[in-house]
Amino acid sequence: MPELPEVETVRRGLRGFIVGKSVVKITTLSAKSFVGDDEKVLGRRVIRLGRRGKALIVKLDGGWNLMVHLRMTGQLVYVGNKRFAAGHPTDDFFLEMPGKHTRVIFEFEDDSRLYFNDQRKFGFVKVMDDAGLEKDAFLMKLGPEPWDMESREFFERLGRRKKTSIKAAILDQSVIAGVGNIYADEGLWRAGIFPGRLVKGVTESEVKELLKGVCEVMDKSIESGGSSMKNYVRADGTKGNYLEKFAKVFGREGEKCERCGGIIKKIRVAGRGTHYCPRCQK
């Protein structure tokens, strides 16, 4: 599943192509992929593209919205005077649309189109009014994003998970929104915290450094277009390069830690592959 920086990269890329345009037709090829009444969307103009956690929010005029979640294999392909793609890369990026994985098609008044493709049908587009968006169960469960809280609040929110590992706690989207496996490892390395430590043993000063580290790595990832890994790209189809340029531990098992010279190891914590330095994250 894409992490917050990847979704933010998609948001920034697509807003230059669909903001200001009105939706004139919606074709749903998979009922599971489109939730809601398309009549509420037709004729509406896209005001802006927002994001909450890992969900894209397409704000329409008249108090309506489209919440788009790409999940594991979703992608958005825009075809107009230019062609741009974002999400899970397949040949659909380059083939004629609609493709075999196209689930929903949005047509705009200038004859451009936005295709929602999804191989495994885990993603969705959901029609919601402003009130429904505010009360949506999925969004209401999300905690604040890293940039939206002070270290004291973060410390208190982590305290709800005292008996779990610190990594499991920061992967909990109700504690802090948008932090996934890559950025959890990177943030913990920057704070010098062993990922398997129980929350109850982590000090408030360490939490302050952890929040600072998470914000830092996510900012750098957004600037570099996301981590991309093997299945994520920028909105123009090019891959992000955070891992190549900035990652300190993730994907670097067996290499030397640039801070202390220890050998980076990979273990499992909270059911996830976890990278850390045993020398400076004791």
C-alpha atoms as a PDB file:
ATOM      1  CA  MET A   1       0.000   0.000   0.000  1.00  0.00           C
ATOM      2  CA  PRO A   2       1.319   3.492  -0.798  1.00  0.00           C
ATOM      3  CA  GLU A   3       2.435   5.576   2.143  1.00  0.00           C
ATOM      4  CA  LEU A   4       1.482   9.189   2.793  1.00  0.00           C
ATOM      5  CA  PRO A   5       4.369  10.780   0.825  1.00  0.00           C
ATOM      6  CA  GLU A   6       3.472   8.753  -2.260  1.00  0.00           C
ATOM      7  CA  VAL A   7      -0.190   9.797  -2.072  1.00  0.00           C
ATOM      8  CA  GLU A   8       0.847  13.413  -1.502  1.00  0.00           C
ATOM      9  CA  THR A   9       3.024  13.163  -4.595  1.00  0.00           C
ATOM     10  CA  VAL A  10       0.000  11.955  -6.578  1.00  0.00           C
ATOM     11  CA  ARG A  11      -2.112  14.827  -5.212  1.00  0.00           C
ATOM     12  CA  ARG A  12       0.408  17.450  -6.211  1.00  0.00           C
ATOM     13  CA  GLY A  13       0.842  15.964  -9.658  1.00  0.00           C
ATOM     14  CA  LEU A  14      -2.817  15.552 -10.578  1.00  0.00           C
ATOM     15  CA  ARG A  15      -4.092  18.878  -9.294  1.00  0.00           C
ATOM     16  CA  GLY A  16      -2.582  20.671 -12.275  1.00  0.00           C
ATOM     17  CA  PHE A  17      -4.689  18.619 -14.665  1.00  0.00           C
ATOM     18  CA  ILE A  18      -8.170  18.307 -13.189  1.00  0.00           C
ATOM     19  CA  VAL A  19      -8.699  21.306 -10.885  1.00  0.00           C
ATOM     20  CA  GLY A  20     -11.150  23.721 -12.487  1.00  0.00           C
ATOM     21  CA  LYS A  21     -12.725  21.107 -14.744  1.00  0.00           C
ATOM     22  CA  SER A  22     -16.315  19.861 -14.552  1.00  0.00           C
ATOM     23  CA  VAL A  23     -17.268  16.190 -14.563  1.00  0.00           C
ATOM     24  CA  VAL A  24     -19.729  15.540 -17.396  1.00  0.00           C
ATOM     25  CA  LYS A  25     -19.886  11.740 -17.445  1.00  0.00           C
ATOM     26  CA  ILE A  26     -19.023   8.812 -15.177  1.00  0.00           C
ATOM     27  CA  THR A  27     -18.799   5.234 -16.412  1.00  0.00           C
ATOM     28  CA  THR A  28     -18.630   2.544 -13.750  1.00  0.00           C
ATOM     29  CA  LEU A  29     -17.214  -0.769 -14.940  1.00  0.00           C
ATOM     30  CA  SER A  30     -17.032  -2.347 -11.475  1.00  0.00           C
ATOM     31  CA  ALA A  31     -19.778  -1.685  -8.936  1.00  0.00           C
ATOM     32  CA  LYS A  32     -17.378  -2.480  -6.098  1.00  0.00           C
ATOM     33  CA  SER A  33     -15.038   0.320  -7.142  1.00  0.00           C
ATOM     34  CA  PHE A  34     -17.542   3.187  -7.146  1.00  0.00           C
ATOM     35  CA  VAL A  35     -19.683   3.884  -4.096  1.00  0.00           C
ATOM     36  CA  GLY A  36     -22.487   6.442  -4.145  1.00  0.00           C
ATOM     37  CA  ASP A  37     -24.778   8.308  -6.540  1.00  0.00           C
ATOM     38  CA  ASP A  38     -22.955   9.523  -9.644  1.00  0.00           C
ATOM     39  CA  GLU A  39     -25.753  12.059 -10.243  1.00  0.00           C
ATOM     40  CA  LYS A  40     -24.389  14.014  -7.274  1.00  0.00           C
ATOM     41  CA  VAL A  41     -21.100  14.420  -9.153  1.00  0.00           C
ATOM     42  CA  LEU A  42     -22.210  15.154 -12.710  1.00  0.00           C
ATOM     43  CA  GLY A  43     -21.852  18.822 -13.617  1.00  0.00           C
ATOM     44  CA  ARG A  44     -19.710  19.511 -10.564  1.00  0.00           C
ATOM     45  CA  ARG A  45     -16.443  21.385 -10.927  1.00  0.00           C
ATOM     46  CA  VAL A  46     -13.256  20.193  -9.232  1.00  0.00           C
ATOM     47  CA  ILE A  47     -12.266  22.907  -6.747  1.00  0.00           C
ATOM     48  CA  ARG A  48      -9.140  21.317  -5.299  1.00  0.00           C
ATOM     49  CA  LEU A  49      -7.370  18.073  -4.490  1.00  0.00           C
ATOM     50  CA  GLY A  50      -6.849  17.357  -0.831  1.00  0.00           C
ATOM     51  CA  ARG A  51      -5.568  14.428   1.185  1.00  0.00           C
ATOM     52  CA  ARG A  52      -6.317  12.858   4.565  1.00  0.00           C
ATOM     53  CA  GLY A  53      -3.804  10.230   5.555  1.00  0.00           C
ATOM     54  CA  LYS A  54      -3.488   7.964   2.530  1.00  0.00           C
ATOM     55  CA  ALA A  55      -6.823   8.977   0.982  1.00  0.00           C
ATOM     56  CA  LEU A  56      -7.168  11.527  -1.820  1.00  0.00           C
ATOM     57  CA  ILE A  57     -10.063  13.950  -1.434  1.00  0.00           C
ATOM     58  CA  VAL A  58     -11.356  15.487  -4.671  1.00  0.00           C
ATOM     59  CA  LYS A  59     -13.315  18.547  -3.549  1.00  0.00           C
ATOM     60  CA  LEU A  60     -16.222  19.475  -5.842  1.00  0.00           C
ATOM     61  CA  ASP A  61     -18.442  22.535  -5.853  1.00  0.00           C
ATOM     62  CA  GLY A  62     -21.873  22.321  -4.243  1.00  0.00           C
ATOM     63  CA  GLY A  63     -20.559  20.612  -1.119  1.00  0.00           C
ATOM     64  CA  TRP A  64     -19.681  17.250  -2.677  1.00  0.00           C
ATOM     65  CA  ASN A  65     -16.498  15.200  -2.679  1.00  0.00           C
ATOM     66  CA  LEU A  66     -14.883  12.107  -4.111  1.00  0.00           C
ATOM     67  CA  MET A  67     -12.752  10.125  -1.676  1.00  0.00           C
ATOM     68  CA  VAL A  68     -10.233   8.017  -3.615  1.00  0.00           C
ATOM     69  CA  HIS A  69      -8.248   5.244  -1.970  1.00  0.00           C
ATOM     70  CA  LEU A  70      -5.757   3.429  -4.188  1.00  0.00           C
ATOM     71  CA  ARG A  71      -5.072   0.628  -1.700  1.00  0.00           C
ATOM     72  CA  MET A  72      -2.475  -1.843  -3.034  1.00  0.00           C
ATOM     73  CA  THR A  73      -2.868  -1.838  -6.808  1.00  0.00           C
ATOM     74  CA  GLY A  74      -4.908   1.254  -7.659  1.00  0.00           C
ATOM     75  CA  GLN A  75      -3.760   3.784 -10.198  1.00  0.00           C
ATOM     76  CA  LEU A  76      -5.020   6.980 -11.776  1.00  0.00           C
ATOM     77  CA  VAL A  77      -4.367   7.617 -15.458  1.00  0.00           C
ATOM     78  CA  TYR A  78      -5.154  11.043 -16.894  1.00  0.00           C
ATOM     79  CA  VAL A  79      -5.537  11.309 -20.669  1.00  0.00           C
ATOM     80  CA  GLY A  80      -5.901  14.740 -22.245  1.00  0.00           C
ATOM     81  CA  ASN A  81      -3.492  16.935 -24.160  1.00  0.00           C
ATOM     82  CA  LYS A  82      -0.897  15.123 -22.059  1.00  0.00           C
ATOM     83  CA  ARG A  83      -0.929  11.714 -20.449  1.00  0.00           C
ATOM     84  CA  PHE A  84      -0.021  11.274 -16.789  1.00  0.00           C
ATOM     85  CA  ALA A  85      -0.193   8.268 -14.519  1.00  0.00           C
ATOM     86  CA  ALA A  86       0.101   7.643 -10.802  1.00  0.00           C
ATOM     87  CA  GLY A  87      -0.002   4.580  -8.606  1.00  0.00           C
ATOM     88  CA  HIS A  88       0.785   0.925  -9.135  1.00  0.00           C
ATOM     89  CA  PRO A  89       2.770   0.748 -12.412  1.00  0.00           C
ATOM     90  CA  THR A  90       1.584  -1.664 -15.064  1.00  0.00           C
ATOM     91  CA  ASP A  91       1.464  -1.542 -18.833  1.00  0.00           C
ATOM     92  CA  ASP A  92      -1.834   0.320 -18.413  1.00  0.00           C
ATOM     93  CA  PHE A  93       0.291   3.445 -17.966  1.00  0.00           C
ATOM     94  CA  PHE A  94       1.148   3.279 -21.653  1.00  0.00           C
ATOM     95  CA  LEU A  95      -1.669   1.310 -23.285  1.00  0.00           C
ATOM     96  CA  GLU A  96      -4.859   2.664 -24.763  1.00  0.00           C
ATOM     97  CA  MET A  97      -7.525   3.410 -22.157  1.00  0.00           C
ATOM     98  CA  PRO A  98      -9.813   1.989 -20.930  1.00  0.00           C
ATOM     99  CA  GLY A  99      -7.761  -1.095 -20.135  1.00  0.00           C
ATOM    100  CA  LYS A 100      -8.650  -4.463 -18.674  1.00  0.00           C
ATOM    101  CA  HIS A 101      -8.152  -3.111 -15.138  1.00  0.00           C
ATOM    102  CA  THR A 102     -10.169   0.087 -15.618  1.00  0.00           C
ATOM    103  CA  ARG A 103     -12.965   0.276 -13.038  1.00  0.00           C
ATOM    104  CA  VAL A 104     -14.239   3.872 -13.269  1.00  0.00           C
ATOM    105  CA  ILE A 105     -13.954   6.537 -15.979  1.00  0.00           C
ATOM    106  CA  PHE A 106     -14.437  10.253 -15.334  1.00  0.00           C
ATOM    107  CA  GLU A 107     -14.962  12.482 -18.377  1.00  0.00           C
ATOM    108  CA  PHE A 108     -14.485  16.264 -18.232  1.00  0.00           C
ATOM    109  CA  GLU A 109     -15.956  19.018 -20.366  1.00  0.00           C
ATOM    110  CA  ASP A 110     -12.764  19.377 -22.421  1.00  0.00           C
ATOM    111  CA  ASP A 111     -12.954  15.688 -23.455  1.00  0.00           C
ATOM    112  CA  SER A 112     -10.081  14.724 -21.152  1.00  0.00           C
ATOM    113  CA  ARG A 113     -10.546  11.648 -18.991  1.00  0.00           C
ATOM    114  CA  LEU A 114      -9.372  10.289 -15.664  1.00  0.00           C
ATOM    115  CA  TYR A 115      -9.272   6.491 -15.390  1.00  0.00           C
ATOM    116  CA  PHE A 116      -9.361   4.700 -12.048  1.00  0.00           C
ATOM    117  CA  ASN A 117      -7.670   1.344 -12.582  1.00  0.00           C
ATOM    118  CA  ASP A 118      -7.292  -1.366  -9.966  1.00  0.00           C
ATOM    119  CA  GLN A 119      -6.057  -4.912 -10.578  1.00  0.00           C
ATOM    120  CA  ARG A 120      -7.231  -6.417  -7.295  1.00  0.00           C
ATOM    121  CA  LYS A 121     -10.288  -4.198  -6.709  1.00  0.00           C
ATOM    122  CA  PHE A 122      -9.263  -3.260  -3.162  1.00  0.00           C
ATOM    123  CA  GLY A 123      -9.345   0.450  -3.916  1.00  0.00           C
ATOM    124  CA  PHE A 124     -12.451   2.601  -4.297  1.00  0.00           C
ATOM    125  CA  VAL A 125     -13.965   5.950  -5.230  1.00  0.00           C
ATOM    126  CA  LYS A 126     -16.666   7.117  -2.839  1.00  0.00           C
ATOM    127  CA  VAL A 127     -19.151   9.979  -3.319  1.00  0.00           C
ATOM    128  CA  MET A 128     -19.657  11.982  -0.120  1.00  0.00           C
ATOM    129  CA  ASP A 129     -21.129  15.320   0.859  1.00  0.00           C
ATOM    130  CA  ASP A 130     -19.211  17.553   3.261  1.00  0.00           C
ATOM    131  CA  ALA A 131     -21.146  16.344   6.291  1.00  0.00           C
ATOM    132  CA  GLY A 132     -20.626  12.701   5.367  1.00  0.00           C
ATOM    133  CA  LEU A 133     -16.924  13.298   4.848  1.00  0.00           C
ATOM    134  CA  GLU A 134     -16.625  14.750   8.341  1.00  0.00           C
ATOM    135  CA  LYS A 135     -18.381  11.715   9.825  1.00  0.00           C
ATOM    136  CA  ASP A 136     -16.801   9.013   7.669  1.00  0.00           C
ATOM    137  CA  ALA A 137     -15.774   6.096   9.880  1.00  0.00           C
ATOM    138  CA  PHE A 138     -12.543   5.487   7.970  1.00  0.00           C
ATOM    139  CA  LEU A 139     -11.404   9.105   8.256  1.00  0.00           C
ATOM    140  CA  MET A 140     -12.614   9.554  11.826  1.00  0.00           C
ATOM    141  CA  LYS A 141     -10.338   6.742  12.982  1.00  0.00           C
ATOM    142  CA  LEU A 142      -7.259   8.543  11.691  1.00  0.00           C
ATOM    143  CA  GLY A 143      -5.060  10.301  14.194  1.00  0.00           C
ATOM    144  CA  PRO A 144      -3.374  13.629  13.433  1.00  0.00           C
ATOM    145  CA  GLU A 145      -0.706  13.751  10.752  1.00  0.00           C
ATOM    146  CA  PRO A 146       2.914  14.146  11.914  1.00  0.00           C
ATOM    147  CA  TRP A 147       3.038  17.868  11.131  1.00  0.00           C
ATOM    148  CA  ASP A 148      -0.234  18.583  12.943  1.00  0.00           C
ATOM    149  CA  MET A 149       0.699  17.751  16.520  1.00  0.00           C
ATOM    150  CA  GLU A 150       3.229  18.687  19.150  1.00  0.00           C
ATOM    151  CA  SER A 151       5.491  16.084  20.769  1.00  0.00           C
ATOM    152  CA  ARG A 152       3.483  16.177  24.012  1.00  0.00           C
ATOM    153  CA  GLU A 153       0.288  15.142  22.202  1.00  0.00           C
ATOM    154  CA  PHE A 154       2.201  12.437  20.356  1.00  0.00           C
ATOM    155  CA  PHE A 155       3.557  11.129  23.662  1.00  0.00           C
ATOM    156  CA  GLU A 156       0.045  11.015  25.115  1.00  0.00           C
ATOM    157  CA  ARG A 157      -1.388   9.259  22.074  1.00  0.00           C
ATOM    158  CA  LEU A 158       1.388   6.669  22.161  1.00  0.00           C
ATOM    159  CA  GLY A 159       0.522   6.101  25.822  1.00  0.00           C
ATOM    160  CA  ARG A 160      -2.682   4.392  24.699  1.00  0.00           C
ATOM    161  CA  ARG A 161      -0.509   1.556  23.366  1.00  0.00           C
ATOM    162  CA  LYS A 162       1.883   1.139  26.306  1.00  0.00           C
ATOM    163  CA  LYS A 163       2.102  -2.644  26.057  1.00  0.00           C
ATOM    164  CA  THR A 164       2.912  -2.762  22.341  1.00  0.00           C
ATOM    165  CA  SER A 165       6.185  -2.151  20.544  1.00  0.00           C
ATOM    166  CA  ILE A 166       6.957   1.424  19.560  1.00  0.00           C
ATOM    167  CA  LYS A 167       6.939   0.425  15.903  1.00  0.00           C
ATOM    168  CA  ALA A 168       3.502  -1.179  16.161  1.00  0.00           C
ATOM    169  CA  ALA A 169       2.228   1.970  17.857  1.00  0.00           C
ATOM    170  CA  ILE A 170       3.411   4.367  15.166  1.00  0.00           C
ATOM    171  CA  LEU A 171       2.031   2.097  12.448  1.00  0.00           C
ATOM    172  CA  ASP A 172      -1.381   2.418  14.129  1.00  0.00           C
ATOM    173  CA  GLN A 173      -3.190   4.989  11.988  1.00  0.00           C
ATOM    174  CA  SER A 174      -5.389   5.980  14.938  1.00  0.00           C
ATOM    175  CA  VAL A 175      -2.266   7.119  16.796  1.00  0.00           C
ATOM    176  CA  ILE A 176      -0.575   8.980  13.946  1.00  0.00           C
ATOM    177  CA  ALA A 177      -1.856   9.115  10.373  1.00  0.00           C
ATOM    178  CA  GLY A 178       0.141   8.249   7.295  1.00  0.00           C
ATOM    179  CA  VAL A 179       3.243   6.601   8.764  1.00  0.00           C
ATOM    180  CA  GLY A 180       3.943   3.268   7.109  1.00  0.00           C
ATOM    181  CA  ASN A 181       6.718   0.714   7.308  1.00  0.00           C
ATOM    182  CA  ILE A 182       9.456   2.661   5.534  1.00  0.00           C
ATOM    183  CA  TYR A 183       9.040   5.900   7.452  1.00  0.00           C
ATOM    184  CA  ALA A 184       8.586   4.107  10.762  1.00  0.00           C
ATOM    185  CA  ASP A 185      12.010   2.481  10.363  1.00  0.00           C
ATOM    186  CA  GLU A 186      13.616   5.711   9.213  1.00  0.00           C
ATOM    187  CA  GLY A 187      12.092   7.792  12.016  1.00  0.00           C
ATOM    188  CA  LEU A 188      13.090   5.293  14.690  1.00  0.00           C
ATOM    189  CA  TRP A 189      16.660   5.254  13.397  1.00  0.00           C
ATOM    190  CA  ARG A 190      16.850   9.036  13.589  1.00  0.00           C
ATOM    191  CA  ALA A 191      15.598   8.932  17.175  1.00  0.00           C
ATOM    192  CA  GLY A 192      17.961   6.087  18.115  1.00  0.00           C
ATOM    193  CA  ILE A 193      15.095   3.877  19.309  1.00  0.00           C
ATOM    194  CA  PHE A 194      15.048   0.101  18.903  1.00  0.00           C
ATOM    195  CA  PRO A 195      11.801  -0.725  16.996  1.00  0.00           C
ATOM    196  CA  GLY A 196      10.868  -3.571  19.356  1.00  0.00           C
ATOM    197  CA  ARG A 197      10.977  -1.530  22.562  1.00  0.00           C
ATOM    198  CA  LEU A 198       7.694  -1.330  24.417  1.00  0.00           C
ATOM    199  CA  VAL A 199       6.022   2.044  24.354  1.00  0.00           C
ATOM    200  CA  LYS A 200       5.948   2.227  28.146  1.00  0.00           C
ATOM    201  CA  GLY A 201       9.746   2.340  28.194  1.00  0.00           C
ATOM    202  CA  VAL A 202      10.113   5.196  25.697  1.00  0.00           C
ATOM    203  CA  THR A 203      10.717   8.610  27.261  1.00  0.00           C
ATOM    204  CA  GLU A 204       9.024  11.863  26.318  1.00  0.00           C
ATOM    205  CA  SER A 205      12.329  13.288  25.082  1.00  0.00           C
ATOM    206  CA  GLU A 206      12.773  10.249  22.813  1.00  0.00           C
ATOM    207  CA  VAL A 207       9.240  10.717  21.481  1.00  0.00           C
ATOM    208  CA  LYS A 208      10.095  14.317  20.665  1.00  0.00           C
ATOM    209  CA  GLU A 209      13.066  13.152  18.588  1.00  0.00           C
ATOM    210  CA  LEU A 210      10.926  10.458  16.976  1.00  0.00           C
ATOM    211  CA  LEU A 211       8.284  12.938  15.826  1.00  0.00           C
ATOM    212  CA  LYS A 212      11.003  15.248  14.531  1.00  0.00           C
ATOM    213  CA  GLY A 213      12.590  12.335  12.664  1.00  0.00           C
ATOM    214  CA  VAL A 214       9.319  11.154  11.113  1.00  0.00           C
ATOM    215  CA  CYS A 215       8.517  14.677   9.882  1.00  0.00           C
ATOM    216  CA  GLU A 216      12.009  15.043   8.484  1.00  0.00           C
ATOM    217  CA  VAL A 217      12.027  11.816   6.490  1.00  0.00           C
ATOM    218  CA  MET A 218       8.505  12.342   5.162  1.00  0.00           C
ATOM    219  CA  ASP A 219       9.331  15.899   4.077  1.00  0.00           C
ATOM    220  CA  LYS A 220      12.393  14.646   2.222  1.00  0.00           C
ATOM    221  CA  SER A 221      10.407  11.836   0.642  1.00  0.00           C
ATOM    222  CA  ILE A 222       7.732  14.212  -0.639  1.00  0.00           C
ATOM    223  CA  GLU A 223      10.444  16.475  -2.061  1.00  0.00           C
ATOM    224  CA  SER A 224      12.006  13.537  -3.888  1.00  0.00           C
ATOM    225  CA  GLY A 225       8.718  12.152  -5.168  1.00  0.00           C
ATOM    226  CA  GLY A 226       8.140   9.343  -2.684  1.00  0.00           C
ATOM    227  CA  SER A 227       9.911   6.069  -2.034  1.00  0.00           C
ATOM    228  CA  SER A 228       8.250   4.281  -4.989  1.00  0.00           C
ATOM    229  CA  MET A 229       9.753   0.884  -4.045  1.00  0.00           C
ATOM    230  CA  LYS A 230       8.807  -1.500  -6.878  1.00  0.00           C
ATOM    231  CA  ASN A 231       5.219  -0.418  -7.286  1.00  0.00           C
ATOM    232  CA  TYR A 232       4.798   3.324  -6.968  1.00  0.00           C
ATOM    233  CA  VAL A 233       5.552   6.308  -9.139  1.00  0.00           C
ATOM    234  CA  ARG A 234       5.043  10.028  -9.417  1.00  0.00           C
ATOM    235  CA  ALA A 235       2.057  11.530 -11.170  1.00  0.00           C
ATOM    236  CA  ASP A 236       4.105  11.898 -14.363  1.00  0.00           C
ATOM    237  CA  GLY A 237       5.021   8.210 -14.388  1.00  0.00           C
ATOM    238  CA  THR A 238       8.593   8.664 -13.142  1.00  0.00           C
ATOM    239  CA  LYS A 239       9.772   6.946  -9.986  1.00  0.00           C
ATOM    240  CA  GLY A 240      10.494   8.670  -6.706  1.00  0.00           C
ATOM    241  CA  ASN A 241      14.043   8.334  -5.414  1.00  0.00           C
ATOM    242  CA  TYR A 242      13.841   8.773  -1.632  1.00  0.00           C
ATOM    243  CA  LEU A 243      15.240   5.327  -0.885  1.00  0.00           C
ATOM    244  CA  GLU A 244      18.213   5.838  -3.171  1.00  0.00           C
ATOM    245  CA  LYS A 245      19.045   9.326  -1.893  1.00  0.00           C
ATOM    246  CA  PHE A 246      18.031   9.547   1.759  1.00  0.00           C
ATOM    247  CA  ALA A 247      17.105   6.194   3.357  1.00  0.00           C
ATOM    248  CA  LYS A 248      19.443   5.389   6.244  1.00  0.00           C
ATOM    249  CA  VAL A 249      18.282   1.883   7.197  1.00  0.00           C
ATOM    250  CA  PHE A 250      15.331   0.706   5.115  1.00  0.00           C
ATOM    251  CA  GLY A 251      16.464  -1.774   2.473  1.00  0.00           C
ATOM    252  CA  ARG A 252      20.079  -1.470   3.601  1.00  0.00           C
ATOM    253  CA  GLU A 253      20.551  -4.646   5.633  1.00  0.00           C
ATOM    254  CA  GLY A 254      24.177  -5.748   5.676  1.00  0.00           C
ATOM    255  CA  GLU A 255      25.463  -2.235   5.010  1.00  0.00           C
ATOM    256  CA  LYS A 256      27.276  -0.009   7.485  1.00  0.00           C
ATOM    257  CA  CYS A 257      25.288   2.502   9.517  1.00  0.00           C
ATOM    258  CA  GLU A 258      26.494   5.937   8.456  1.00  0.00           C
ATOM    259  CA  ARG A 259      26.113   7.237  12.001  1.00  0.00           C
ATOM    260  CA  CYS A 260      28.052   4.664  14.019  1.00  0.00           C
ATOM    261  CA  GLY A 261      29.478   2.107  11.602  1.00  0.00           C
ATOM    262  CA  GLY A 262      27.350  -0.768  12.901  1.00  0.00           C
ATOM    263  CA  ILE A 263      25.920  -3.306  10.459  1.00  0.00           C
ATOM    264  CA  ILE A 264      22.270  -2.743   9.663  1.00  0.00           C
ATOM    265  CA  LYS A 265      20.052  -5.738  10.357  1.00  0.00           C
ATOM    266  CA  LYS A 266      16.579  -6.794   9.259  1.00  0.00           C
ATOM    267  CA  ILE A 267      14.192  -8.476  11.701  1.00  0.00           C
ATOM    268  CA  ARG A 268      10.418  -8.743  12.095  1.00  0.00           C
ATOM    269  CA  VAL A 269       8.577  -6.398  14.432  1.00  0.00           C
ATOM    270  CA  ALA A 270       4.786  -6.006  14.504  1.00  0.00           C
ATOM    271  CA  GLY A 271       4.629  -8.561  11.706  1.00  0.00           C
ATOM    272  CA  ARG A 272       6.634  -6.335   9.375  1.00  0.00           C
ATOM    273  CA  GLY A 273      10.140  -6.492   7.957  1.00  0.00           C
ATOM    274  CA  THR A 274      12.089  -4.023  10.101  1.00  0.00           C
ATOM    275  CA  HIS A 275      15.480  -2.420   9.518  1.00  0.00           C
ATOM    276  CA  TYR A 276      17.618  -1.029  12.313  1.00  0.00           C
ATOM    277  CA  CYS A 277      21.186  -0.574  13.553  1.00  0.00           C
ATOM    278  CA  PRO A 278      21.890  -2.786  16.600  1.00  0.00           C
ATOM    279  CA  ARG A 279      24.725  -0.532  17.708  1.00  0.00           C
ATOM    280  CA  CYS A 280      22.920   2.816  17.913  1.00  0.00           C
ATOM    281  CA  GLN A 281      19.366   1.515  18.386  1.00  0.00           C
ATOM    282  CA  LYS A 282      19.933  -0.742  21.390  1.00  0.00           C
END
